[in-house]
Amino acid sequence: AVQLMESGGGSVQAGGSLRLSCKYYGIIFDESEMDWFRQAPGKMCERVAGIDRDGPSYYEDSVKGRFTISQDSPANTVYLLMNDLKPEDTATYYCATAAGILDGKCPSLDFGHWGRGTQVTVSS
């Protein structure tokens, strides 16, 4: 079965960095796109970054130049390196595949395969 598990969240001060990891199972990466989504309380779920076999395919405008998505095939892991974190980056971060957003919520479990999320908190 397809499974994904995020890790690496935590609490940091503005300007700090975190590296999120998504360990995946039952996914053939070359045939798939992996994405990171996030949702903060009171906000819509949004796609943050995506990666496929050709490399990074998408970054949300607000994270361009700060976040980097990458993949380690031998480790079956997708990463999201987050630099220069801002308070507005505070959210629960999810990795997902074959996924989209339903009703502005993440995880949208009826649309793709999702992990359970990892919390990122950035203080000023």
N, C-alpha and C. Protein backbone atom coordinates (compact mmCIF):
# COMPACT_ATOMS: atom_id res chain seq x y z
N ALA A 1 0.84 -1.19 0.00
CA ALA A 1 0.00 0.00 0.00
C ALA A 1 0.88 1.24 0.00
N VAL A 2 0.34 2.32 -0.54
CA VAL A 2 1.05 3.59 -0.55
C VAL A 2 0.98 4.20 0.84
N GLN A 3 2.13 4.58 1.36
CA GLN A 3 2.21 5.27 2.64
C GLN A 3 3.26 6.37 2.56
N LEU A 4 3.01 7.45 3.28
CA LEU A 4 3.95 8.56 3.37
C LEU A 4 4.00 9.03 4.81
N MET A 5 5.19 9.41 5.26
CA MET A 5 5.36 9.88 6.62
C MET A 5 6.31 11.06 6.65
N GLU A 6 5.82 12.19 7.15
CA GLU A 6 6.62 13.40 7.27
C GLU A 6 7.34 13.43 8.61
N SER A 7 8.47 14.12 8.62
CA SER A 7 9.19 14.37 9.86
C SER A 7 10.03 15.63 9.67
N GLY A 8 10.57 16.14 10.76
CA GLY A 8 11.49 17.26 10.70
C GLY A 8 10.90 18.60 11.10
N GLY A 9 9.62 18.65 11.39
CA GLY A 9 9.03 19.90 11.83
C GLY A 9 9.53 20.29 13.21
N GLY A 10 9.22 21.52 13.58
CA GLY A 10 9.63 22.02 14.88
C GLY A 10 9.36 23.50 15.00
N SER A 11 9.91 24.09 16.03
CA SER A 11 9.75 25.52 16.30
C SER A 11 11.08 26.23 16.13
N VAL A 12 11.07 27.30 15.35
CA VAL A 12 12.28 28.08 15.10
C VAL A 12 11.93 29.56 15.12
N GLN A 13 12.95 30.38 15.28
CA GLN A 13 12.78 31.82 15.16
C GLN A 13 12.87 32.24 13.70
N ALA A 14 12.25 33.37 13.40
CA ALA A 14 12.32 33.91 12.05
C ALA A 14 13.77 34.00 11.59
N GLY A 15 13.98 33.62 10.34
CA GLY A 15 15.32 33.60 9.78
C GLY A 15 16.01 32.26 9.90
N GLY A 16 15.44 31.36 10.68
CA GLY A 16 16.01 30.05 10.86
C GLY A 16 15.65 29.11 9.73
N SER A 17 16.10 27.87 9.85
CA SER A 17 15.90 26.86 8.81
C SER A 17 15.41 25.56 9.42
N LEU A 18 14.66 24.82 8.61
CA LEU A 18 14.25 23.47 8.92
C LEU A 18 14.32 22.64 7.66
N ARG A 19 14.55 21.36 7.82
CA ARG A 19 14.53 20.42 6.70
C ARG A 19 13.49 19.35 6.98
N LEU A 20 12.44 19.35 6.19
CA LEU A 20 11.40 18.35 6.32
C LEU A 20 11.73 17.14 5.46
N SER A 21 11.34 15.97 5.94
CA SER A 21 11.54 14.73 5.21
C SER A 21 10.21 14.03 5.02
N CYS A 22 10.07 13.36 3.89
CA CYS A 22 8.89 12.54 3.60
C CYS A 22 9.37 11.18 3.13
N LYS A 23 9.27 10.22 4.00
CA LYS A 23 9.58 8.84 3.65
C LYS A 23 8.36 8.22 2.99
N TYR A 24 8.56 7.60 1.82
CA TYR A 24 7.42 7.06 1.11
C TYR A 24 7.59 5.57 0.84
N TYR A 25 6.46 4.89 0.70
CA TYR A 25 6.41 3.45 0.46
C TYR A 25 5.37 3.18 -0.61
N GLY A 26 5.65 2.21 -1.47
CA GLY A 26 4.70 1.80 -2.48
C GLY A 26 4.53 2.79 -3.62
N ILE A 27 5.51 3.65 -3.83
CA ILE A 27 5.47 4.67 -4.88
C ILE A 27 6.64 4.46 -5.82
N ILE A 28 6.36 4.45 -7.11
CA ILE A 28 7.40 4.45 -8.13
C ILE A 28 7.65 5.90 -8.50
N PHE A 29 8.75 6.45 -8.03
CA PHE A 29 8.96 7.88 -8.16
C PHE A 29 9.01 8.33 -9.62
N ASP A 30 9.62 7.53 -10.48
CA ASP A 30 9.76 7.93 -11.88
C ASP A 30 8.42 8.11 -12.58
N GLU A 31 7.38 7.55 -12.03
CA GLU A 31 6.06 7.64 -12.64
C GLU A 31 5.13 8.58 -11.88
N SER A 32 5.67 9.31 -10.92
CA SER A 32 4.83 10.07 -10.00
C SER A 32 5.38 11.47 -9.80
N GLU A 33 4.51 12.33 -9.31
CA GLU A 33 4.93 13.62 -8.78
C GLU A 33 4.68 13.61 -7.28
N MET A 34 5.65 14.11 -6.53
CA MET A 34 5.52 14.28 -5.10
C MET A 34 5.41 15.76 -4.81
N ASP A 35 4.53 16.09 -3.90
CA ASP A 35 4.27 17.49 -3.56
C ASP A 35 4.31 17.70 -2.06
N TRP A 36 4.64 18.92 -1.68
CA TRP A 36 4.46 19.41 -0.32
C TRP A 36 3.32 20.42 -0.32
N PHE A 37 2.41 20.24 0.63
CA PHE A 37 1.32 21.17 0.87
C PHE A 37 1.44 21.70 2.30
N ARG A 38 0.76 22.79 2.56
CA ARG A 38 0.70 23.30 3.93
C ARG A 38 -0.64 23.98 4.17
N GLN A 39 -1.02 23.99 5.44
CA GLN A 39 -2.23 24.70 5.84
C GLN A 39 -2.05 25.25 7.24
N ALA A 40 -2.33 26.53 7.38
CA ALA A 40 -2.34 27.19 8.66
C ALA A 40 -3.79 27.38 9.11
N PRO A 41 -4.04 27.45 10.41
CA PRO A 41 -5.40 27.70 10.88
C PRO A 41 -5.97 28.96 10.26
N GLY A 42 -7.19 28.87 9.75
CA GLY A 42 -7.83 30.00 9.13
C GLY A 42 -7.40 30.29 7.72
N LYS A 43 -6.50 29.49 7.18
CA LYS A 43 -6.00 29.68 5.83
C LYS A 43 -6.38 28.50 4.95
N MET A 44 -6.30 28.72 3.65
CA MET A 44 -6.55 27.65 2.70
C MET A 44 -5.32 26.75 2.59
N CYS A 45 -5.58 25.48 2.32
CA CYS A 45 -4.49 24.59 1.96
C CYS A 45 -3.85 25.09 0.67
N GLU A 46 -2.53 25.04 0.62
CA GLU A 46 -1.84 25.47 -0.59
C GLU A 46 -0.70 24.53 -0.92
N ARG A 47 -0.45 24.39 -2.19
CA ARG A 47 0.69 23.60 -2.63
C ARG A 47 1.94 24.44 -2.54
N VAL A 48 2.95 23.93 -1.89
CA VAL A 48 4.18 24.66 -1.64
C VAL A 48 5.24 24.35 -2.70
N ALA A 49 5.41 23.08 -3.02
CA ALA A 49 6.45 22.67 -3.94
C ALA A 49 6.12 21.30 -4.50
N GLY A 50 6.63 21.01 -5.68
CA GLY A 50 6.46 19.71 -6.30
C GLY A 50 7.73 19.27 -7.00
N ILE A 51 7.87 17.95 -7.12
CA ILE A 51 9.04 17.38 -7.77
C ILE A 51 8.63 16.14 -8.53
N ASP A 52 9.22 15.94 -9.71
CA ASP A 52 9.03 14.72 -10.47
C ASP A 52 10.38 14.20 -10.92
N ARG A 53 10.37 13.25 -11.84
CA ARG A 53 11.63 12.61 -12.23
C ARG A 53 12.60 13.57 -12.89
N ASP A 54 12.11 14.68 -13.41
CA ASP A 54 12.96 15.67 -14.05
C ASP A 54 13.49 16.72 -13.09
N GLY A 55 13.07 16.66 -11.83
CA GLY A 55 13.51 17.61 -10.84
C GLY A 55 12.37 18.45 -10.33
N PRO A 56 12.70 19.53 -9.61
CA PRO A 56 11.64 20.41 -9.09
C PRO A 56 10.77 20.94 -10.21
N SER A 57 9.46 20.87 -10.00
CA SER A 57 8.51 21.26 -11.02
C SER A 57 7.64 22.44 -10.62
N TYR A 58 7.63 22.77 -9.33
CA TYR A 58 6.74 23.84 -8.88
C TYR A 58 7.22 24.38 -7.55
N TYR A 59 7.16 25.71 -7.41
CA TYR A 59 7.30 26.39 -6.13
C TYR A 59 6.23 27.47 -6.05
N GLU A 60 5.59 27.54 -4.91
CA GLU A 60 4.67 28.64 -4.66
C GLU A 60 5.47 29.94 -4.59
N ASP A 61 4.89 31.02 -5.09
CA ASP A 61 5.65 32.25 -5.24
C ASP A 61 6.28 32.73 -3.94
N SER A 62 5.58 32.58 -2.83
CA SER A 62 6.07 33.13 -1.58
C SER A 62 7.27 32.37 -1.02
N VAL A 63 7.55 31.17 -1.53
CA VAL A 63 8.68 30.39 -1.02
C VAL A 63 9.83 30.32 -2.01
N LYS A 64 9.67 30.87 -3.19
CA LYS A 64 10.74 30.83 -4.18
C LYS A 64 11.98 31.54 -3.65
N GLY A 65 13.11 30.89 -3.83
CA GLY A 65 14.36 31.44 -3.34
C GLY A 65 14.65 31.11 -1.90
N ARG A 66 13.67 30.56 -1.18
CA ARG A 66 13.86 30.20 0.21
C ARG A 66 13.76 28.69 0.45
N PHE A 67 12.85 28.04 -0.26
CA PHE A 67 12.61 26.60 -0.08
C PHE A 67 13.19 25.83 -1.25
N THR A 68 13.69 24.63 -0.97
CA THR A 68 14.22 23.75 -2.00
C THR A 68 13.66 22.35 -1.79
N ILE A 69 13.03 21.81 -2.83
CA ILE A 69 12.54 20.44 -2.78
C ILE A 69 13.55 19.54 -3.48
N SER A 70 13.77 18.37 -2.93
CA SER A 70 14.71 17.42 -3.51
C SER A 70 14.27 16.01 -3.19
N GLN A 71 14.92 15.04 -3.83
CA GLN A 71 14.54 13.65 -3.67
C GLN A 71 15.78 12.78 -3.59
N ASP A 72 15.74 11.79 -2.72
CA ASP A 72 16.81 10.83 -2.55
C ASP A 72 16.22 9.46 -2.84
N SER A 73 16.44 8.96 -4.05
CA SER A 73 15.81 7.71 -4.46
C SER A 73 16.22 6.51 -3.61
N PRO A 74 17.53 6.31 -3.35
CA PRO A 74 17.89 5.16 -2.52
C PRO A 74 17.23 5.16 -1.16
N ALA A 75 16.96 6.33 -0.62
CA ALA A 75 16.33 6.44 0.69
C ALA A 75 14.82 6.54 0.61
N ASN A 76 14.26 6.54 -0.59
CA ASN A 76 12.82 6.69 -0.77
C ASN A 76 12.29 7.87 0.04
N THR A 77 12.94 9.00 -0.12
CA THR A 77 12.63 10.16 0.69
C THR A 77 12.62 11.42 -0.17
N VAL A 78 11.64 12.26 0.06
CA VAL A 78 11.57 13.60 -0.52
C VAL A 78 11.80 14.60 0.61
N TYR A 79 12.58 15.64 0.32
CA TYR A 79 12.92 16.64 1.32
C TYR A 79 12.37 18.01 0.93
N LEU A 80 12.16 18.82 1.93
CA LEU A 80 11.88 20.23 1.73
C LEU A 80 12.78 21.02 2.68
N LEU A 81 13.82 21.62 2.12
CA LEU A 81 14.70 22.48 2.89
C LEU A 81 14.11 23.88 2.91
N MET A 82 13.86 24.39 4.09
CA MET A 82 13.22 25.69 4.26
C MET A 82 14.20 26.63 4.94
N ASN A 83 14.66 27.62 4.20
CA ASN A 83 15.57 28.63 4.72
C ASN A 83 14.84 29.95 4.89
N ASP A 84 15.43 30.82 5.69
CA ASP A 84 14.89 32.16 5.92
C ASP A 84 13.41 32.11 6.27
N LEU A 85 13.10 31.27 7.22
CA LEU A 85 11.70 31.07 7.59
C LEU A 85 11.09 32.34 8.16
N LYS A 86 9.82 32.53 7.84
CA LYS A 86 9.05 33.69 8.27
C LYS A 86 7.86 33.22 9.09
N PRO A 87 7.33 34.07 9.97
CA PRO A 87 6.15 33.67 10.74
C PRO A 87 5.00 33.19 9.87
N GLU A 88 4.84 33.76 8.69
CA GLU A 88 3.76 33.33 7.81
C GLU A 88 3.96 31.94 7.23
N ASP A 89 5.13 31.34 7.44
CA ASP A 89 5.36 29.95 7.05
C ASP A 89 4.81 28.97 8.08
N THR A 90 4.37 29.47 9.23
CA THR A 90 3.81 28.60 10.25
C THR A 90 2.60 27.86 9.71
N ALA A 91 2.63 26.54 9.78
CA ALA A 91 1.57 25.72 9.21
C ALA A 91 1.87 24.26 9.52
N THR A 92 0.89 23.43 9.25
CA THR A 92 1.12 22.00 9.18
C THR A 92 1.50 21.66 7.74
N TYR A 93 2.60 20.97 7.58
CA TYR A 93 3.11 20.62 6.26
C TYR A 93 2.86 19.14 5.98
N TYR A 94 2.38 18.87 4.77
CA TYR A 94 2.04 17.52 4.34
C TYR A 94 2.78 17.18 3.06
N CYS A 95 3.21 15.95 2.94
CA CYS A 95 3.64 15.46 1.64
C CYS A 95 2.54 14.58 1.06
N ALA A 96 2.48 14.53 -0.26
CA ALA A 96 1.41 13.81 -0.93
C ALA A 96 1.83 13.46 -2.34
N THR A 97 1.15 12.48 -2.91
CA THR A 97 1.36 12.10 -4.29
C THR A 97 0.02 11.84 -4.96
N ALA A 98 -0.04 12.09 -6.26
CA ALA A 98 -1.28 11.97 -7.03
C ALA A 98 -2.39 12.76 -6.36
N ALA A 99 -2.05 13.92 -5.86
CA ALA A 99 -2.90 14.64 -4.93
C ALA A 99 -3.35 15.98 -5.48
N GLY A 100 -4.44 16.43 -4.93
CA GLY A 100 -4.97 17.76 -5.17
C GLY A 100 -5.72 18.22 -3.95
N ILE A 101 -6.24 19.43 -4.03
CA ILE A 101 -6.92 20.06 -2.90
C ILE A 101 -8.42 20.05 -3.15
N LEU A 102 -9.16 19.53 -2.18
CA LEU A 102 -10.61 19.54 -2.20
C LEU A 102 -11.11 20.46 -1.10
N ASP A 103 -11.98 21.38 -1.46
CA ASP A 103 -12.61 22.28 -0.49
C ASP A 103 -11.59 23.08 0.30
N GLY A 104 -10.42 23.30 -0.26
CA GLY A 104 -9.42 24.13 0.38
C GLY A 104 -8.76 23.53 1.60
N LYS A 105 -8.92 22.23 1.80
CA LYS A 105 -8.43 21.59 3.01
C LYS A 105 -7.31 20.61 2.72
N CYS A 106 -6.37 20.55 3.63
CA CYS A 106 -5.40 19.46 3.58
C CYS A 106 -5.33 18.80 4.94
N PRO A 107 -5.22 17.46 4.97
CA PRO A 107 -5.16 16.63 3.78
C PRO A 107 -6.52 16.44 3.11
N SER A 108 -6.52 16.38 1.80
CA SER A 108 -7.70 16.03 1.03
C SER A 108 -7.59 14.54 0.72
N LEU A 109 -8.02 13.74 1.66
CA LEU A 109 -7.74 12.31 1.61
C LEU A 109 -8.43 11.59 0.47
N ASP A 110 -9.47 12.19 -0.10
CA ASP A 110 -10.15 11.58 -1.24
C ASP A 110 -9.47 11.90 -2.55
N PHE A 111 -8.41 12.69 -2.51
CA PHE A 111 -7.70 13.09 -3.72
C PHE A 111 -6.22 12.83 -3.50
N GLY A 112 -5.81 11.60 -3.75
CA GLY A 112 -4.42 11.24 -3.66
C GLY A 112 -4.05 10.61 -2.33
N HIS A 113 -2.75 10.45 -2.15
CA HIS A 113 -2.20 9.82 -0.96
C HIS A 113 -1.42 10.86 -0.16
N TRP A 114 -1.70 10.93 1.11
CA TRP A 114 -1.17 11.97 1.99
C TRP A 114 -0.53 11.37 3.23
N GLY A 115 0.50 12.05 3.73
CA GLY A 115 1.00 11.76 5.05
C GLY A 115 0.14 12.42 6.10
N ARG A 116 0.55 12.26 7.35
CA ARG A 116 -0.23 12.80 8.47
C ARG A 116 0.15 14.21 8.85
N GLY A 117 1.22 14.72 8.32
CA GLY A 117 1.61 16.10 8.54
C GLY A 117 2.65 16.27 9.63
N THR A 118 3.40 17.36 9.53
CA THR A 118 4.36 17.75 10.54
C THR A 118 4.24 19.25 10.76
N GLN A 119 4.28 19.66 12.02
CA GLN A 119 4.02 21.05 12.37
C GLN A 119 5.29 21.88 12.30
N VAL A 120 5.18 23.05 11.68
CA VAL A 120 6.25 24.03 11.63
C VAL A 120 5.74 25.31 12.26
N THR A 121 6.45 25.81 13.25
CA THR A 121 6.09 27.05 13.92
C THR A 121 7.28 28.00 13.87
N VAL A 122 7.04 29.20 13.36
CA VAL A 122 8.09 30.20 13.22
C VAL A 122 7.68 31.42 14.04
N SER A 123 8.51 31.81 14.97
CA SER A 123 8.23 32.94 15.83
C SER A 123 9.05 34.14 15.40
N SER A 124 8.52 35.33 15.66
CA SER A 124 9.20 36.55 15.30
C SER A 124 10.22 36.95 16.35
